[in-house]
């Protein structure tokens, strides 16, 4: 069976106010045009500040529509606000209005995709712990999706925030770096009957492939810029780029980090300012 080529992009931080982000996105577009993957999946933080500026979200949507292949996307904290956590500012916290704005401008915030013997389940990670009606609806949807799958089905989860890491990394990380503990525990319960083969996430602006408890955790880097070491420890590889992987029935994908021709390797605070990033 011919494999399905999936291209993963994340943390593009697109905005009319961020020309360097669009320049790197142009490099991605050229790569997609030359290599023709079957689908592009965006793992969140499409926009620089869609949380506060609908114009940034609209701009990001227009950039997605420049892709010459089908695309799907989930929101990130810069698109609709972050999960509530101790000390979090209400000005940056997800709410129903921001979620609706994503739905109106970009599209669905959770969805399923069947590709070549794989089931991809994408969730809105920003809802975790929010208490919003949409969070309960998403959990119900995810449970229904998993209950209908056969035990030997290969399942991949798509989420903006990484689900987990090593125990040491989890203990030493700020609350907003990974999926909320409550959601992590609930996911573990849901997947006892249908184990996850692969988890794909963005958010950390680093490339990494980590195997934990039989599941591969793939971190997709930013196309925009990496964070300086004093702001974020090195957990994987700090490179701007995208990830290509082939999905085929009965096999485990081997992700490849791609740095498209023309993409600039930028660092926040050194090469570019960013007052909004946390």
Protein backbone atom coordinates (compact mmCIF):
# COMPACT_ATOMS: atom_id res chain seq x y z
CA UNK A 1 0.00 0.00 0.00
CA UNK A 2 1.33 3.46 -0.90
CA UNK A 3 2.06 5.61 2.14
CA UNK A 4 0.24 8.86 2.80
CA UNK A 5 2.65 11.76 3.14
CA UNK A 6 1.71 14.09 6.02
CA UNK A 7 3.45 17.40 6.61
CA UNK A 8 3.29 18.79 10.14
CA UNK A 9 3.73 22.50 10.84
CA UNK A 10 3.35 24.40 14.09
CA UNK A 11 3.80 27.71 15.88
CA UNK A 12 3.88 29.86 12.76
CA UNK A 13 2.88 32.99 14.77
CA UNK A 14 1.57 34.69 11.65
CA UNK A 15 0.56 38.35 11.73
CA UNK A 16 0.87 41.45 9.57
CA UNK A 17 3.09 42.69 12.40
CA UNK A 18 5.52 39.76 12.03
CA UNK A 19 7.11 39.87 8.56
CA UNK A 20 9.79 37.39 9.62
CA UNK A 21 7.05 34.83 10.37
CA UNK A 22 5.56 35.25 6.91
CA UNK A 23 9.00 34.98 5.29
CA UNK A 24 9.53 31.61 6.95
CA UNK A 25 5.99 30.58 6.03
CA UNK A 26 6.78 31.43 2.41
CA UNK A 27 9.68 28.96 2.61
CA UNK A 28 7.23 26.31 3.85
CA UNK A 29 4.83 27.09 1.02
CA UNK A 30 7.61 26.67 -1.54
CA UNK A 31 8.52 23.31 -0.01
CA UNK A 32 4.91 22.12 -0.07
CA UNK A 33 4.53 23.21 -3.69
CA UNK A 34 7.67 21.34 -4.73
CA UNK A 35 7.02 18.14 -2.75
CA UNK A 36 3.21 17.82 -2.85
CA UNK A 37 2.38 16.05 0.43
CA UNK A 38 -1.11 14.59 0.70
CA UNK A 39 -2.12 16.82 3.61
CA UNK A 40 -0.72 19.54 5.87
CA UNK A 41 -1.65 19.56 9.56
CA UNK A 42 -1.10 22.69 11.65
CA UNK A 43 -0.58 22.01 15.36
CA UNK A 44 -1.54 25.41 16.76
CA UNK A 45 -0.30 28.93 17.41
CA UNK A 46 -1.24 29.75 13.87
CA UNK A 47 -1.33 33.43 14.80
CA UNK A 48 0.87 35.80 16.75
CA UNK A 49 -1.98 37.08 18.90
CA UNK A 50 -5.35 35.76 17.77
CA UNK A 51 -6.28 35.65 21.45
CA UNK A 52 -6.76 39.42 21.38
CA UNK A 53 -6.83 40.28 17.67
CA UNK A 54 -9.28 38.63 15.29
CA UNK A 55 -7.31 40.23 12.46
CA UNK A 56 -4.34 38.00 13.24
CA UNK A 57 -6.56 34.91 13.04
CA UNK A 58 -8.00 36.05 9.72
CA UNK A 59 -4.50 36.67 8.44
CA UNK A 60 -3.45 33.18 9.56
CA UNK A 61 -6.44 31.64 7.82
CA UNK A 62 -5.52 33.39 4.58
CA UNK A 63 -2.01 32.01 4.87
CA UNK A 64 -3.34 28.47 5.34
CA UNK A 65 -5.47 28.93 2.25
CA UNK A 66 -2.30 29.58 0.25
CA UNK A 67 -1.37 25.92 0.72
CA UNK A 68 -1.80 23.99 -2.55
CA UNK A 69 -2.93 20.82 -0.69
CA UNK A 70 -5.68 20.05 1.85
CA UNK A 71 -5.02 21.27 5.39
CA UNK A 72 -6.37 20.82 8.91
CA UNK A 73 -5.57 22.78 12.07
CA UNK A 74 -6.07 22.92 15.84
CA UNK A 75 -5.82 26.08 17.97
CA UNK A 76 -3.01 27.01 20.33
CA UNK A 77 -2.68 29.36 23.27
CA UNK A 78 -1.78 32.31 21.00
CA UNK A 79 -4.96 31.68 19.00
CA UNK A 80 -7.65 31.36 21.68
CA UNK A 81 -5.96 31.81 25.07
CA UNK A 82 -4.30 29.41 27.49
CA UNK A 83 -5.62 26.84 29.92
CA UNK A 84 -6.39 28.21 33.37
CA UNK A 85 -3.51 27.53 35.77
CA UNK A 86 -2.37 29.08 39.07
CA UNK A 87 -1.12 32.57 38.44
CA UNK A 88 -2.47 32.75 34.88
CA UNK A 89 -3.77 36.12 33.74
CA UNK A 90 -7.46 36.21 32.83
CA UNK A 91 -6.46 38.34 29.86
CA UNK A 92 -4.66 35.30 28.42
CA UNK A 93 -7.10 32.57 29.49
CA UNK A 94 -9.31 30.71 27.04
CA UNK A 95 -13.00 31.59 27.02
CA UNK A 96 -16.10 30.74 25.00
CA UNK A 97 -15.89 33.85 22.84
CA UNK A 98 -12.32 33.16 21.77
CA UNK A 99 -13.17 29.54 21.00
CA UNK A 100 -16.10 30.65 18.86
CA UNK A 101 -13.89 33.10 16.99
CA UNK A 102 -11.60 30.21 15.96
CA UNK A 103 -14.62 28.20 14.80
CA UNK A 104 -15.94 31.14 12.78
CA UNK A 105 -12.64 32.10 11.15
CA UNK A 106 -10.50 28.96 10.91
CA UNK A 107 -12.86 26.02 11.35
CA UNK A 108 -13.30 22.99 13.60
CA UNK A 109 -11.16 22.85 16.74
CA UNK A 110 -11.39 19.05 17.08
CA UNK A 111 -11.79 16.51 14.32
CA UNK A 112 -10.96 13.01 13.08
CA UNK A 113 -9.16 11.93 9.94
CA UNK A 114 -8.74 8.44 8.51
CA UNK A 115 -5.55 7.97 6.52
CA UNK A 116 -4.20 4.70 5.20
CA UNK A 117 -5.09 2.46 8.13
CA UNK A 118 -4.58 5.20 10.71
CA UNK A 119 -7.13 7.20 12.69
CA UNK A 120 -6.00 10.72 13.58
CA UNK A 121 -7.91 12.34 16.44
CA UNK A 122 -7.28 16.06 16.91
CA UNK A 123 -8.28 17.91 20.07
CA UNK A 124 -8.38 21.51 21.28
CA UNK A 125 -5.78 21.27 24.06
CA UNK A 126 -6.63 24.77 25.30
CA UNK A 127 -9.98 23.56 26.64
CA UNK A 128 -8.38 21.29 29.25
CA UNK A 129 -9.37 22.44 32.73
CA UNK A 130 -11.41 25.36 31.42
CA UNK A 131 -14.78 24.11 32.64
CA UNK A 132 -16.34 25.40 29.45
CA UNK A 133 -19.27 23.57 27.89
CA UNK A 134 -17.04 22.89 24.89
CA UNK A 135 -14.60 20.95 27.07
CA UNK A 136 -17.27 18.48 28.18
CA UNK A 137 -18.46 18.13 24.60
CA UNK A 138 -14.94 17.39 23.39
CA UNK A 139 -14.39 14.67 26.01
CA UNK A 140 -17.68 13.03 25.00
CA UNK A 141 -16.68 13.18 21.35
CA UNK A 142 -13.25 11.69 22.03
CA UNK A 143 -14.73 8.84 24.04
CA UNK A 144 -17.17 8.05 21.25
CA UNK A 145 -14.43 8.11 18.64
CA UNK A 146 -12.24 5.70 20.57
CA UNK A 147 -15.04 3.31 21.50
CA UNK A 148 -15.77 2.72 17.82
CA UNK A 149 -12.24 1.63 16.91
CA UNK A 150 -10.94 -1.90 16.70
CA UNK A 151 -8.20 -2.95 19.12
CA UNK A 152 -5.59 -3.27 16.36
CA UNK A 153 -6.30 0.14 14.86
CA UNK A 154 -3.36 2.54 14.78
CA UNK A 155 -4.40 5.75 16.52
CA UNK A 156 -2.61 9.10 16.59
CA UNK A 157 -3.55 12.04 18.80
CA UNK A 158 -3.02 15.61 17.60
CA UNK A 159 -2.77 18.33 20.25
CA UNK A 160 -1.09 21.72 20.50
CA UNK A 161 0.54 21.00 23.85
CA UNK A 162 2.64 17.88 24.48
CA UNK A 163 0.79 15.35 26.58
CA UNK A 164 3.76 14.29 28.67
CA UNK A 165 7.54 13.99 29.03
CA UNK A 166 9.91 12.31 31.45
CA UNK A 167 9.04 12.53 35.14
CA UNK A 168 11.99 14.82 35.80
CA UNK A 169 10.98 17.20 33.01
CA UNK A 170 7.37 17.29 34.14
CA UNK A 171 8.38 18.07 37.70
CA UNK A 172 10.63 20.93 36.63
CA UNK A 173 8.36 22.54 34.04
CA UNK A 174 5.90 25.43 34.35
CA UNK A 175 2.22 24.52 34.36
CA UNK A 176 1.62 25.87 30.86
CA UNK A 177 4.28 23.80 29.03
CA UNK A 178 2.35 20.50 28.93
CA UNK A 179 -1.27 19.37 28.84
CA UNK A 180 -2.93 19.84 32.23
CA UNK A 181 -2.52 16.96 34.70
CA UNK A 182 -6.27 16.38 34.88
CA UNK A 183 -6.53 16.00 31.13
CA UNK A 184 -3.45 13.76 31.02
CA UNK A 185 -4.99 11.38 33.54
CA UNK A 186 -8.30 11.35 31.72
CA UNK A 187 -6.60 10.59 28.41
CA UNK A 188 -4.76 7.69 30.03
CA UNK A 189 -8.09 6.22 31.10
CA UNK A 190 -9.64 6.62 27.67
CA UNK A 191 -6.73 4.92 25.94
CA UNK A 192 -6.50 1.80 28.08
CA UNK A 193 -8.67 -0.10 25.60
CA UNK A 194 -7.32 1.62 22.48
CA UNK A 195 -3.65 2.50 23.02
CA UNK A 196 -2.15 5.47 21.26
CA UNK A 197 0.55 4.69 18.74
CA UNK A 198 1.60 8.30 18.24
CA UNK A 199 1.03 11.72 19.81
CA UNK A 200 1.86 14.78 17.68
CA UNK A 201 2.19 18.19 19.31
CA UNK A 202 3.79 21.63 18.97
CA UNK A 203 3.99 24.50 21.48
CA UNK A 204 7.54 23.94 22.77
CA UNK A 205 9.29 25.16 19.60
CA UNK A 206 11.60 22.11 19.66
CA UNK A 207 11.88 18.94 17.60
CA UNK A 208 11.80 15.70 19.55
CA UNK A 209 10.78 12.04 19.30
CA UNK A 210 10.27 10.51 22.72
CA UNK A 211 9.01 6.99 23.41
CA UNK A 212 7.13 6.56 26.69
CA UNK A 213 5.07 3.55 27.76
CA UNK A 214 4.79 2.22 24.21
CA UNK A 215 3.72 5.53 22.64
CA UNK A 216 5.82 7.74 20.40
CA UNK A 217 5.57 11.44 21.30
CA UNK A 218 6.54 13.64 18.37
CA UNK A 219 7.20 17.31 19.05
CA UNK A 220 6.96 19.49 15.96
CA UNK A 221 9.17 22.61 15.95
CA UNK A 222 8.19 26.18 15.18
CA UNK A 223 8.46 27.61 11.68
CA UNK A 224 8.88 31.04 13.28
CA UNK A 225 11.56 31.11 16.00
CA UNK A 226 13.00 29.19 18.94
CA UNK A 227 13.13 30.37 22.54
CA UNK A 228 16.45 31.24 24.20
CA UNK A 229 17.92 28.70 26.60
CA UNK A 230 17.51 31.03 29.58
CA UNK A 231 13.76 31.14 28.90
CA UNK A 232 13.31 27.45 28.09
CA UNK A 233 15.66 24.49 28.64
CA UNK A 234 16.81 22.31 25.79
CA UNK A 235 14.47 19.32 25.73
CA UNK A 236 14.92 18.31 22.10
CA UNK A 237 16.40 20.14 19.13
CA UNK A 238 15.97 23.89 18.83
CA UNK A 239 15.62 24.35 15.09
CA UNK A 240 13.00 26.12 12.97
CA UNK A 241 11.39 23.69 10.57
CA UNK A 242 8.60 21.26 9.77
CA UNK A 243 8.17 17.50 10.03
CA UNK A 244 7.39 15.02 7.28
CA UNK A 245 6.11 11.52 7.95
CA UNK A 246 4.58 8.72 5.91
CA UNK A 247 1.56 6.88 7.27
CA UNK A 248 1.03 3.32 6.08
CA UNK A 249 -1.07 0.49 7.48
CA UNK A 250 0.82 -1.84 9.79
CA UNK A 251 3.98 0.24 10.07
CA UNK A 252 5.29 2.89 12.44
CA UNK A 253 6.12 6.20 10.76
CA UNK A 254 9.67 7.56 10.81
CA UNK A 255 9.40 11.34 11.13
CA UNK A 256 11.92 13.53 9.34
CA UNK A 257 12.82 17.06 10.43
CA UNK A 258 12.83 19.31 7.36
CA UNK A 259 14.37 22.77 7.18
CA UNK A 260 12.97 24.16 3.92
CA UNK A 261 15.29 26.19 1.73
CA UNK A 262 15.09 29.83 2.77
CA UNK A 263 13.79 29.30 6.30
CA UNK A 264 15.62 31.55 8.74
CA UNK A 265 16.87 30.15 12.05
CA UNK A 266 15.63 32.83 14.47
CA UNK A 267 15.73 33.16 18.25
CA UNK A 268 13.23 35.24 20.21
CA UNK A 269 14.88 38.18 21.96
CA UNK A 270 18.07 37.83 19.97
CA UNK A 271 16.88 38.14 16.38
CA UNK A 272 13.31 39.30 16.93
CA UNK A 273 11.27 40.78 19.78
CA UNK A 274 8.06 39.14 20.93
CA UNK A 275 6.21 40.79 23.81
CA UNK A 276 3.41 38.21 23.62
CA UNK A 277 5.29 34.95 24.00
CA UNK A 278 5.31 33.08 27.30
